[in-house]
């Protein structure tokens, strides 16, 4: 993919960072975009920066270009578009903006939570994607073969069964699946492909911090009790690179259009392409959810090896 140009939004950390790196591993030029730089922190107040991600892209064999971009600002996205135009093309857009963690309220009914926080979450999680698509799709649709991926949390079963307990969170994540369906139809008219992707139970930087573990000690969280009822399910967690390897496989697939409009999960992509996570395992959160979480089985009594 030496001649390909990608933009990854929300590339500071998590799946956005990993996807940028895996596209770089294929040789692509990757615009690494987000709000946190070494000079300026975002409201997320996390230490990861877009410069670090760009350096990881370079180390993987690609070309990382860090560009600070606040996707709530049309002016910022217009400036990014000018930078991308200077490369002469845009082949891949991965839309991973979120910025809603600090506005989540898992403890109270929606009507007893902060309305300002709910509206900010929706603004950060939906409006940003619409702005990015409006400004960047003209570059991507200029030639056939482009790929657009919306990143969400949860596959299509989440559209049928409200997972709770946050209505604004559900709205944002369901909107990404809806965007993917719409893009699947609209982009096909231009010879391009649009869909949505999701990870499973993610071992992101924030989740590792929440469970008070590192990537080297993450298994301690399964029985530590720190994550409450979620702890035992962490046995089927995955690194951000698991989904990223699925995205890389999609980017290389000449018949990716067969997935247009769908929501593809890390586990369904794994079943299709056969890749592994960084440790060589193949976590299948979909099967775990259907066979353990949904029926309410005691996860501590389940042989986890068959799901990895």
C-alpha atoms as a PDB file:
ATOM      1  CA  UNK A   1       0.000   0.000   0.000  1.00  0.00           C
ATOM      2  CA  UNK A   2       2.949   2.339  -0.600  1.00  0.00           C
ATOM      3  CA  UNK A   3       0.858   4.544  -2.866  1.00  0.00           C
ATOM      4  CA  UNK A   4      -2.148   4.700  -0.533  1.00  0.00           C
ATOM      5  CA  UNK A   5      -3.120   7.598   1.739  1.00  0.00           C
ATOM      6  CA  UNK A   6      -5.242   7.153   4.839  1.00  0.00           C
ATOM      7  CA  UNK A   7      -6.789   9.454   7.420  1.00  0.00           C
ATOM      8  CA  UNK A   8      -7.477   8.011  10.859  1.00  0.00           C
ATOM      9  CA  UNK A   9      -9.548  10.155  13.189  1.00  0.00           C
ATOM     10  CA  UNK A  10      -9.229   9.595  16.918  1.00  0.00           C
ATOM     11  CA  UNK A  11      -5.785   8.098  16.298  1.00  0.00           C
ATOM     12  CA  UNK A  12      -4.278   9.251  19.576  1.00  0.00           C
ATOM     13  CA  UNK A  13      -4.939   5.983  21.391  1.00  0.00           C
ATOM     14  CA  UNK A  14      -6.990   2.782  21.429  1.00  0.00           C
ATOM     15  CA  UNK A  15      -8.246   1.300  18.184  1.00  0.00           C
ATOM     16  CA  UNK A  16      -7.506   4.498  16.268  1.00  0.00           C
ATOM     17  CA  UNK A  17      -3.821   4.288  17.159  1.00  0.00           C
ATOM     18  CA  UNK A  18      -3.605   0.568  16.403  1.00  0.00           C
ATOM     19  CA  UNK A  19      -5.387   0.938  13.055  1.00  0.00           C
ATOM     20  CA  UNK A  20      -3.030   3.751  12.049  1.00  0.00           C
ATOM     21  CA  UNK A  21      -0.045   1.547  12.912  1.00  0.00           C
ATOM     22  CA  UNK A  22      -1.350  -1.500  11.033  1.00  0.00           C
ATOM     23  CA  UNK A  23      -2.060   0.604   7.936  1.00  0.00           C
ATOM     24  CA  UNK A  24       1.480   1.912   8.276  1.00  0.00           C
ATOM     25  CA  UNK A  25       2.721  -1.660   8.448  1.00  0.00           C
ATOM     26  CA  UNK A  26       1.253  -2.094   4.968  1.00  0.00           C
ATOM     27  CA  UNK A  27       3.314   0.875   3.823  1.00  0.00           C
ATOM     28  CA  UNK A  28       0.564   3.498   3.702  1.00  0.00           C
ATOM     29  CA  UNK A  29       0.907   7.202   4.368  1.00  0.00           C
ATOM     30  CA  UNK A  30      -1.297   7.796   7.401  1.00  0.00           C
ATOM     31  CA  UNK A  31      -2.585  11.147   8.616  1.00  0.00           C
ATOM     32  CA  UNK A  32      -2.699  10.591  12.364  1.00  0.00           C
ATOM     33  CA  UNK A  33      -5.315  12.980  13.700  1.00  0.00           C
ATOM     34  CA  UNK A  34      -6.597  13.814  17.161  1.00  0.00           C
ATOM     35  CA  UNK A  35      -6.596  16.543  19.764  1.00  0.00           C
ATOM     36  CA  UNK A  36      -3.739  15.605  22.085  1.00  0.00           C
ATOM     37  CA  UNK A  37      -0.230  16.656  21.144  1.00  0.00           C
ATOM     38  CA  UNK A  38       2.967  16.917  23.144  1.00  0.00           C
ATOM     39  CA  UNK A  39       2.230  20.612  23.572  1.00  0.00           C
ATOM     40  CA  UNK A  40      -1.518  20.568  24.062  1.00  0.00           C
ATOM     41  CA  UNK A  41      -3.756  18.159  25.965  1.00  0.00           C
ATOM     42  CA  UNK A  42      -7.383  17.473  25.148  1.00  0.00           C
ATOM     43  CA  UNK A  43     -10.223  17.394  27.711  1.00  0.00           C
ATOM     44  CA  UNK A  44      -9.617  13.629  27.896  1.00  0.00           C
ATOM     45  CA  UNK A  45      -6.503  14.451  29.959  1.00  0.00           C
ATOM     46  CA  UNK A  46      -4.650  11.338  28.868  1.00  0.00           C
ATOM     47  CA  UNK A  47      -0.914  11.080  28.163  1.00  0.00           C
ATOM     48  CA  UNK A  48      -1.010   9.532  24.678  1.00  0.00           C
ATOM     49  CA  UNK A  49      -0.258  11.894  21.764  1.00  0.00           C
ATOM     50  CA  UNK A  50      -0.673  11.927  18.000  1.00  0.00           C
ATOM     51  CA  UNK A  51       3.095  12.374  17.625  1.00  0.00           C
ATOM     52  CA  UNK A  52       3.677   9.078  19.434  1.00  0.00           C
ATOM     53  CA  UNK A  53       1.216   7.345  17.132  1.00  0.00           C
ATOM     54  CA  UNK A  54       2.894   8.817  14.040  1.00  0.00           C
ATOM     55  CA  UNK A  55       6.259   7.554  15.277  1.00  0.00           C
ATOM     56  CA  UNK A  56       4.752   4.075  15.698  1.00  0.00           C
ATOM     57  CA  UNK A  57       3.458   4.275  12.116  1.00  0.00           C
ATOM     58  CA  UNK A  58       6.956   5.173  10.922  1.00  0.00           C
ATOM     59  CA  UNK A  59       8.509   2.339  12.920  1.00  0.00           C
ATOM     60  CA  UNK A  60       6.027  -0.112  11.389  1.00  0.00           C
ATOM     61  CA  UNK A  61       7.167   0.825   7.899  1.00  0.00           C
ATOM     62  CA  UNK A  62       4.684   3.490   6.900  1.00  0.00           C
ATOM     63  CA  UNK A  63       4.720   7.265   6.896  1.00  0.00           C
ATOM     64  CA  UNK A  64       2.966   8.892   9.811  1.00  0.00           C
ATOM     65  CA  UNK A  65       1.863  12.525   9.573  1.00  0.00           C
ATOM     66  CA  UNK A  66       0.515  13.909  12.873  1.00  0.00           C
ATOM     67  CA  UNK A  67      -2.096  16.640  12.454  1.00  0.00           C
ATOM     68  CA  UNK A  68      -3.900  18.120  15.418  1.00  0.00           C
ATOM     69  CA  UNK A  69      -7.574  18.252  14.502  1.00  0.00           C
ATOM     70  CA  UNK A  70     -10.609  18.909  16.651  1.00  0.00           C
ATOM     71  CA  UNK A  71     -13.442  17.368  14.652  1.00  0.00           C
ATOM     72  CA  UNK A  72     -16.019  19.592  16.331  1.00  0.00           C
ATOM     73  CA  UNK A  73     -14.339  22.437  14.418  1.00  0.00           C
ATOM     74  CA  UNK A  74     -15.149  22.689  10.727  1.00  0.00           C
ATOM     75  CA  UNK A  75     -12.167  25.019  10.312  1.00  0.00           C
ATOM     76  CA  UNK A  76      -9.839  22.379  11.738  1.00  0.00           C
ATOM     77  CA  UNK A  77     -11.178  19.728   9.373  1.00  0.00           C
ATOM     78  CA  UNK A  78     -10.912  22.120   6.424  1.00  0.00           C
ATOM     79  CA  UNK A  79      -7.251  22.670   7.309  1.00  0.00           C
ATOM     80  CA  UNK A  80      -6.732  18.919   7.491  1.00  0.00           C
ATOM     81  CA  UNK A  81      -8.373  18.506   4.107  1.00  0.00           C
ATOM     82  CA  UNK A  82      -5.881  20.928   2.602  1.00  0.00           C
ATOM     83  CA  UNK A  83      -3.016  18.874   4.054  1.00  0.00           C
ATOM     84  CA  UNK A  84      -4.467  15.678   2.611  1.00  0.00           C
ATOM     85  CA  UNK A  85      -5.057  17.317  -0.771  1.00  0.00           C
ATOM     86  CA  UNK A  86      -1.338  18.079  -0.925  1.00  0.00           C
ATOM     87  CA  UNK A  87      -0.745  14.312  -1.059  1.00  0.00           C
ATOM     88  CA  UNK A  88      -2.911  14.130  -4.178  1.00  0.00           C
ATOM     89  CA  UNK A  89      -5.345  11.461  -2.994  1.00  0.00           C
ATOM     90  CA  UNK A  90      -7.303   9.869  -0.152  1.00  0.00           C
ATOM     91  CA  UNK A  91      -7.886   6.113  -0.224  1.00  0.00           C
ATOM     92  CA  UNK A  92      -8.943   5.165   3.308  1.00  0.00           C
ATOM     93  CA  UNK A  93     -10.878   7.057   5.972  1.00  0.00           C
ATOM     94  CA  UNK A  94     -11.211   5.481   9.404  1.00  0.00           C
ATOM     95  CA  UNK A  95     -13.645   7.512  11.499  1.00  0.00           C
ATOM     96  CA  UNK A  96     -12.872   6.711  15.144  1.00  0.00           C
ATOM     97  CA  UNK A  97     -13.670   9.989  16.926  1.00  0.00           C
ATOM     98  CA  UNK A  98     -15.307   9.517  20.333  1.00  0.00           C
ATOM     99  CA  UNK A  99     -14.313  11.824  23.201  1.00  0.00           C
ATOM    100  CA  UNK A 100     -17.254  10.824  25.371  1.00  0.00           C
ATOM    101  CA  UNK A 101     -15.833   8.807  28.252  1.00  0.00           C
ATOM    102  CA  UNK A 102     -15.810  11.657  30.746  1.00  0.00           C
ATOM    103  CA  UNK A 103     -19.488  12.365  30.060  1.00  0.00           C
ATOM    104  CA  UNK A 104     -20.761   8.844  30.717  1.00  0.00           C
ATOM    105  CA  UNK A 105     -23.177   8.217  33.561  1.00  0.00           C
ATOM    106  CA  UNK A 106     -23.639   4.499  34.139  1.00  0.00           C
ATOM    107  CA  UNK A 107     -25.194   4.905  37.588  1.00  0.00           C
ATOM    108  CA  UNK A 108     -28.324   6.997  37.123  1.00  0.00           C
ATOM    109  CA  UNK A 109     -31.395   6.898  34.864  1.00  0.00           C
ATOM    110  CA  UNK A 110     -31.002   9.201  31.893  1.00  0.00           C
ATOM    111  CA  UNK A 111     -33.558  11.686  33.258  1.00  0.00           C
ATOM    112  CA  UNK A 112     -31.556  12.015  36.476  1.00  0.00           C
ATOM    113  CA  UNK A 113     -28.226  12.509  34.716  1.00  0.00           C
ATOM    114  CA  UNK A 114     -26.651  15.702  33.388  1.00  0.00           C
ATOM    115  CA  UNK A 115     -28.337  16.915  30.213  1.00  0.00           C
ATOM    116  CA  UNK A 116     -25.279  19.001  29.328  1.00  0.00           C
ATOM    117  CA  UNK A 117     -23.070  15.920  29.554  1.00  0.00           C
ATOM    118  CA  UNK A 118     -25.475  13.885  27.425  1.00  0.00           C
ATOM    119  CA  UNK A 119     -25.642  16.533  24.709  1.00  0.00           C
ATOM    120  CA  UNK A 120     -21.861  16.972  24.734  1.00  0.00           C
ATOM    121  CA  UNK A 121     -21.416  13.212  24.317  1.00  0.00           C
ATOM    122  CA  UNK A 122     -23.752  13.189  21.329  1.00  0.00           C
ATOM    123  CA  UNK A 123     -22.015  16.245  19.847  1.00  0.00           C
ATOM    124  CA  UNK A 124     -18.553  14.693  20.276  1.00  0.00           C
ATOM    125  CA  UNK A 125     -19.632  11.257  19.104  1.00  0.00           C
ATOM    126  CA  UNK A 126     -21.956  11.989  16.148  1.00  0.00           C
ATOM    127  CA  UNK A 127     -21.502  15.539  14.875  1.00  0.00           C
ATOM    128  CA  UNK A 128     -17.762  14.988  14.563  1.00  0.00           C
ATOM    129  CA  UNK A 129     -18.299  12.047  12.226  1.00  0.00           C
ATOM    130  CA  UNK A 130     -20.710  14.004  10.070  1.00  0.00           C
ATOM    131  CA  UNK A 131     -18.231  16.887   9.801  1.00  0.00           C
ATOM    132  CA  UNK A 132     -15.362  14.560   8.888  1.00  0.00           C
ATOM    133  CA  UNK A 133     -17.426  12.782   6.242  1.00  0.00           C
ATOM    134  CA  UNK A 134     -18.753  15.997   4.729  1.00  0.00           C
ATOM    135  CA  UNK A 135     -15.304  17.500   4.294  1.00  0.00           C
ATOM    136  CA  UNK A 136     -13.210  14.415   3.444  1.00  0.00           C
ATOM    137  CA  UNK A 137     -15.509  12.257   1.312  1.00  0.00           C
ATOM    138  CA  UNK A 138     -15.074  14.487  -1.755  1.00  0.00           C
ATOM    139  CA  UNK A 139     -11.394  13.525  -1.758  1.00  0.00           C
ATOM    140  CA  UNK A 140     -12.063   9.831  -1.254  1.00  0.00           C
ATOM    141  CA  UNK A 141     -14.806   9.517  -3.868  1.00  0.00           C
ATOM    142  CA  UNK A 142     -12.700  11.276  -6.510  1.00  0.00           C
ATOM    143  CA  UNK A 143     -11.596   7.820  -7.703  1.00  0.00           C
ATOM    144  CA  UNK A 144     -13.034   4.319  -7.251  1.00  0.00           C
ATOM    145  CA  UNK A 145     -11.613   1.913  -4.709  1.00  0.00           C
ATOM    146  CA  UNK A 146     -11.869   4.034  -1.557  1.00  0.00           C
ATOM    147  CA  UNK A 147     -12.706   2.533   1.826  1.00  0.00           C
ATOM    148  CA  UNK A 148     -14.538   4.261   4.698  1.00  0.00           C
ATOM    149  CA  UNK A 149     -14.881   2.641   8.110  1.00  0.00           C
ATOM    150  CA  UNK A 150     -16.993   3.937  10.965  1.00  0.00           C
ATOM    151  CA  UNK A 151     -15.821   2.581  14.345  1.00  0.00           C
ATOM    152  CA  UNK A 152     -18.415   1.755  17.000  1.00  0.00           C
ATOM    153  CA  UNK A 153     -18.957  -0.369  20.092  1.00  0.00           C
ATOM    154  CA  UNK A 154     -21.118  -3.441  19.493  1.00  0.00           C
ATOM    155  CA  UNK A 155     -22.396  -5.248  16.442  1.00  0.00           C
ATOM    156  CA  UNK A 156     -25.879  -5.233  14.922  1.00  0.00           C
ATOM    157  CA  UNK A 157     -27.403  -7.273  17.761  1.00  0.00           C
ATOM    158  CA  UNK A 158     -27.053  -4.101  19.830  1.00  0.00           C
ATOM    159  CA  UNK A 159     -29.537  -2.392  17.527  1.00  0.00           C
ATOM    160  CA  UNK A 160     -32.120  -5.023  18.360  1.00  0.00           C
ATOM    161  CA  UNK A 161     -31.548  -5.280  22.121  1.00  0.00           C
ATOM    162  CA  UNK A 162     -30.779  -2.159  24.142  1.00  0.00           C
ATOM    163  CA  UNK A 163     -27.701  -3.102  26.171  1.00  0.00           C
ATOM    164  CA  UNK A 164     -28.112  -0.318  28.747  1.00  0.00           C
ATOM    165  CA  UNK A 165     -27.678   1.583  30.882  1.00  0.00           C
ATOM    166  CA  UNK A 166     -26.784   4.834  29.067  1.00  0.00           C
ATOM    167  CA  UNK A 167     -29.230   6.130  26.464  1.00  0.00           C
ATOM    168  CA  UNK A 168     -26.826   8.773  25.030  1.00  0.00           C
ATOM    169  CA  UNK A 169     -24.043   6.189  24.728  1.00  0.00           C
ATOM    170  CA  UNK A 170     -26.374   3.771  22.936  1.00  0.00           C
ATOM    171  CA  UNK A 171     -27.511   6.566  20.623  1.00  0.00           C
ATOM    172  CA  UNK A 172     -23.944   7.425  19.594  1.00  0.00           C
ATOM    173  CA  UNK A 173     -22.833   3.840  19.007  1.00  0.00           C
ATOM    174  CA  UNK A 174     -26.040   2.901  17.149  1.00  0.00           C
ATOM    175  CA  UNK A 175     -25.585   5.997  14.981  1.00  0.00           C
ATOM    176  CA  UNK A 176     -22.201   4.706  13.828  1.00  0.00           C
ATOM    177  CA  UNK A 177     -23.800   1.451  12.689  1.00  0.00           C
ATOM    178  CA  UNK A 178     -26.474   3.455  10.883  1.00  0.00           C
ATOM    179  CA  UNK A 179     -23.838   5.615   9.211  1.00  0.00           C
ATOM    180  CA  UNK A 180     -22.082   2.487   8.007  1.00  0.00           C
ATOM    181  CA  UNK A 181     -25.298   1.187   6.456  1.00  0.00           C
ATOM    182  CA  UNK A 182     -25.925   4.494   4.691  1.00  0.00           C
ATOM    183  CA  UNK A 183     -22.339   4.794   3.496  1.00  0.00           C
ATOM    184  CA  UNK A 184     -22.528   1.270   2.112  1.00  0.00           C
ATOM    185  CA  UNK A 185     -25.243   2.437  -0.261  1.00  0.00           C
ATOM    186  CA  UNK A 186     -23.992   5.934  -1.068  1.00  0.00           C
ATOM    187  CA  UNK A 187     -20.325   5.094  -1.617  1.00  0.00           C
ATOM    188  CA  UNK A 188     -21.155   2.153  -3.887  1.00  0.00           C
ATOM    189  CA  UNK A 189     -22.416   4.706  -6.394  1.00  0.00           C
ATOM    190  CA  UNK A 190     -18.826   5.948  -6.655  1.00  0.00           C
ATOM    191  CA  UNK A 191     -17.088   2.594  -6.676  1.00  0.00           C
ATOM    192  CA  UNK A 192     -16.122   2.879  -3.010  1.00  0.00           C
ATOM    193  CA  UNK A 193     -16.952   0.818   0.080  1.00  0.00           C
ATOM    194  CA  UNK A 194     -18.402   1.956   3.407  1.00  0.00           C
ATOM    195  CA  UNK A 195     -19.150  -0.069   6.529  1.00  0.00           C
ATOM    196  CA  UNK A 196     -18.812  -0.118  10.318  1.00  0.00           C
ATOM    197  CA  UNK A 197     -16.366  -2.076  12.475  1.00  0.00           C
ATOM    198  CA  UNK A 198     -16.291  -2.829  16.202  1.00  0.00           C
ATOM    199  CA  UNK A 199     -13.884  -4.400  18.673  1.00  0.00           C
ATOM    200  CA  UNK A 200     -14.936  -6.815  21.390  1.00  0.00           C
ATOM    201  CA  UNK A 201     -14.023  -6.353  25.070  1.00  0.00           C
ATOM    202  CA  UNK A 202     -11.126  -3.993  24.504  1.00  0.00           C
ATOM    203  CA  UNK A 203      -7.857  -3.795  26.421  1.00  0.00           C
ATOM    204  CA  UNK A 204      -7.329  -0.156  25.544  1.00  0.00           C
ATOM    205  CA  UNK A 205      -5.027   2.098  27.524  1.00  0.00           C
ATOM    206  CA  UNK A 206      -8.036   3.437  29.439  1.00  0.00           C
ATOM    207  CA  UNK A 207      -9.437  -0.015  30.209  1.00  0.00           C
ATOM    208  CA  UNK A 208      -6.087  -1.303  31.454  1.00  0.00           C
ATOM    209  CA  UNK A 209      -5.912   1.731  33.714  1.00  0.00           C
ATOM    210  CA  UNK A 210      -9.467   1.131  34.936  1.00  0.00           C
ATOM    211  CA  UNK A 211      -8.649  -2.459  35.863  1.00  0.00           C
ATOM    212  CA  UNK A 212      -5.331  -1.333  37.437  1.00  0.00           C
ATOM    213  CA  UNK A 213      -3.266  -3.662  35.254  1.00  0.00           C
ATOM    214  CA  UNK A 214      -0.853  -3.441  32.314  1.00  0.00           C
ATOM    215  CA  UNK A 215      -0.770  -5.336  29.049  1.00  0.00           C
ATOM    216  CA  UNK A 216       1.735  -7.676  30.714  1.00  0.00           C
ATOM    217  CA  UNK A 217      -0.429  -8.284  33.797  1.00  0.00           C
ATOM    218  CA  UNK A 218      -3.932  -7.969  32.330  1.00  0.00           C
ATOM    219  CA  UNK A 219      -4.959 -11.486  33.357  1.00  0.00           C
ATOM    220  CA  UNK A 220      -4.811 -10.373  37.000  1.00  0.00           C
ATOM    221  CA  UNK A 221      -7.962  -8.330  36.349  1.00  0.00           C
ATOM    222  CA  UNK A 222     -10.006 -11.469  35.726  1.00  0.00           C
ATOM    223  CA  UNK A 223     -10.032 -12.401  39.412  1.00  0.00           C
ATOM    224  CA  UNK A 224      -8.964  -9.187  41.167  1.00  0.00           C
ATOM    225  CA  UNK A 225     -12.507  -7.952  41.687  1.00  0.00           C
ATOM    226  CA  UNK A 226     -11.570  -4.454  40.502  1.00  0.00           C
ATOM    227  CA  UNK A 227     -13.990  -4.552  37.575  1.00  0.00           C
ATOM    228  CA  UNK A 228     -16.848  -6.097  39.526  1.00  0.00           C
ATOM    229  CA  UNK A 229     -19.028  -8.358  37.410  1.00  0.00           C
ATOM    230  CA  UNK A 230     -17.037  -7.392  34.305  1.00  0.00           C
ATOM    231  CA  UNK A 231     -13.773  -8.862  35.591  1.00  0.00           C
ATOM    232  CA  UNK A 232     -14.323 -12.531  34.687  1.00  0.00           C
ATOM    233  CA  UNK A 233     -15.375 -11.541  31.160  1.00  0.00           C
ATOM    234  CA  UNK A 234     -12.029  -9.776  30.718  1.00  0.00           C
ATOM    235  CA  UNK A 235     -10.640 -13.265  30.013  1.00  0.00           C
ATOM    236  CA  UNK A 236     -11.955 -12.836  26.449  1.00  0.00           C
ATOM    237  CA  UNK A 237     -10.614  -9.307  26.023  1.00  0.00           C
ATOM    238  CA  UNK A 238      -8.495  -8.231  23.074  1.00  0.00           C
ATOM    239  CA  UNK A 239      -5.885  -5.607  22.291  1.00  0.00           C
ATOM    240  CA  UNK A 240      -6.732  -2.731  19.929  1.00  0.00           C
ATOM    241  CA  UNK A 241      -4.455  -4.400  17.388  1.00  0.00           C
ATOM    242  CA  UNK A 242      -6.892  -7.273  16.961  1.00  0.00           C
ATOM    243  CA  UNK A 243      -9.495  -5.082  15.264  1.00  0.00           C
ATOM    244  CA  UNK A 244      -6.680  -3.170  13.544  1.00  0.00           C
ATOM    245  CA  UNK A 245      -5.450  -6.351  11.892  1.00  0.00           C
ATOM    246  CA  UNK A 246      -8.987  -6.949  10.671  1.00  0.00           C
ATOM    247  CA  UNK A 247      -9.055  -3.445   9.209  1.00  0.00           C
ATOM    248  CA  UNK A 248      -5.729  -4.076   7.479  1.00  0.00           C
ATOM    249  CA  UNK A 249      -7.170  -7.260   5.979  1.00  0.00           C
ATOM    250  CA  UNK A 250     -10.211  -5.337   4.747  1.00  0.00           C
ATOM    251  CA  UNK A 251      -7.965  -2.698   3.191  1.00  0.00           C
ATOM    252  CA  UNK A 252      -6.140  -5.404   1.221  1.00  0.00           C
ATOM    253  CA  UNK A 253      -9.278  -7.316   0.194  1.00  0.00           C
ATOM    254  CA  UNK A 254     -10.147  -6.658  -3.475  1.00  0.00           C
ATOM    255  CA  UNK A 255     -13.675  -7.857  -2.753  1.00  0.00           C
ATOM    256  CA  UNK A 256     -14.328  -5.805   0.393  1.00  0.00           C
ATOM    257  CA  UNK A 257     -17.537  -4.551  -1.226  1.00  0.00           C
ATOM    258  CA  UNK A 258     -19.261  -7.760  -0.104  1.00  0.00           C
ATOM    259  CA  UNK A 259     -19.278  -6.242   3.405  1.00  0.00           C
ATOM    260  CA  UNK A 260     -20.668  -2.854   2.325  1.00  0.00           C
ATOM    261  CA  UNK A 261     -23.148  -1.454   4.823  1.00  0.00           C
ATOM    262  CA  UNK A 262     -22.523  -4.172   7.392  1.00  0.00           C
ATOM    263  CA  UNK A 263     -21.123  -3.963  10.906  1.00  0.00           C
ATOM    264  CA  UNK A 264     -18.105  -6.249  11.027  1.00  0.00           C
ATOM    265  CA  UNK A 265     -16.690  -7.148  14.437  1.00  0.00           C
ATOM    266  CA  UNK A 266     -13.154  -8.173  15.278  1.00  0.00           C
ATOM    267  CA  UNK A 267     -14.412 -11.719  15.739  1.00  0.00           C
ATOM    268  CA  UNK A 268     -16.327 -11.865  12.456  1.00  0.00           C
ATOM    269  CA  UNK A 269     -13.332 -10.407  10.622  1.00  0.00           C
ATOM    270  CA  UNK A 270     -11.145 -13.037  12.317  1.00  0.00           C
ATOM    271  CA  UNK A 271     -13.424 -15.780  11.072  1.00  0.00           C
ATOM    272  CA  UNK A 272     -13.145 -14.323   7.579  1.00  0.00           C
ATOM    273  CA  UNK A 273      -9.413 -13.601   7.399  1.00  0.00           C
ATOM    274  CA  UNK A 274      -7.846 -15.818  10.080  1.00  0.00           C
ATOM    275  CA  UNK A 275      -5.558 -13.251  11.757  1.00  0.00           C
ATOM    276  CA  UNK A 276      -4.553 -13.361  15.431  1.00  0.00           C
ATOM    277  CA  UNK A 277      -4.135 -10.884  18.240  1.00  0.00           C
ATOM    278  CA  UNK A 278      -0.655  -9.805  19.321  1.00  0.00           C
ATOM    279  CA  UNK A 279      -0.268 -12.835  21.590  1.00  0.00           C
ATOM    280  CA  UNK A 280      -1.272 -15.309  18.884  1.00  0.00           C
ATOM    281  CA  UNK A 281      -4.771 -15.938  20.266  1.00  0.00           C
ATOM    282  CA  UNK A 282      -8.087 -15.377  18.486  1.00  0.00           C
ATOM    283  CA  UNK A 283     -10.589 -13.977  21.010  1.00  0.00           C
ATOM    284  CA  UNK A 284     -14.184 -14.506  19.935  1.00  0.00           C
ATOM    285  CA  UNK A 285     -16.315 -12.148  21.971  1.00  0.00           C
ATOM    286  CA  UNK A 286     -19.316 -12.903  19.766  1.00  0.00           C
ATOM    287  CA  UNK A 287     -19.423 -16.556  20.747  1.00  0.00           C
ATOM    288  CA  UNK A 288     -18.657 -15.697  24.382  1.00  0.00           C
ATOM    289  CA  UNK A 289     -21.519 -13.199  24.463  1.00  0.00           C
ATOM    290  CA  UNK A 290     -23.982 -15.645  22.923  1.00  0.00           C
ATOM    291  CA  UNK A 291     -22.985 -18.637  25.030  1.00  0.00           C
ATOM    292  CA  UNK A 292     -21.950 -17.089  28.357  1.00  0.00           C
ATOM    293  CA  UNK A 293     -23.061 -13.456  28.772  1.00  0.00           C
ATOM    294  CA  UNK A 294     -26.530 -13.680  27.222  1.00  0.00           C
ATOM    295  CA  UNK A 295     -27.683 -16.832  29.075  1.00  0.00           C
ATOM    296  CA  UNK A 296     -26.177 -15.525  32.325  1.00  0.00           C
ATOM    297  CA  UNK A 297     -23.703 -18.389  32.816  1.00  0.00           C
ATOM    298  CA  UNK A 298     -21.112 -18.107  35.569  1.00  0.00           C
ATOM    299  CA  UNK A 299     -17.971 -17.126  33.599  1.00  0.00           C
ATOM    300  CA  UNK A 300     -15.676 -18.505  36.295  1.00  0.00           C
ATOM    301  CA  UNK A 301     -16.951 -22.021  35.500  1.00  0.00           C
ATOM    302  CA  UNK A 302     -16.446 -21.770  31.719  1.00  0.00           C
ATOM    303  CA  UNK A 303     -13.405 -23.075  29.844  1.00  0.00           C
ATOM    304  CA  UNK A 304     -12.180 -19.849  28.270  1.00  0.00           C
ATOM    305  CA  UNK A 305      -9.668 -21.570  26.009  1.00  0.00           C
ATOM    306  CA  UNK A 306     -12.375 -22.486  23.466  1.00  0.00           C
ATOM    307  CA  UNK A 307     -13.164 -18.782  23.025  1.00  0.00           C
ATOM    308  CA  UNK A 308      -9.569 -17.694  22.413  1.00  0.00           C
END
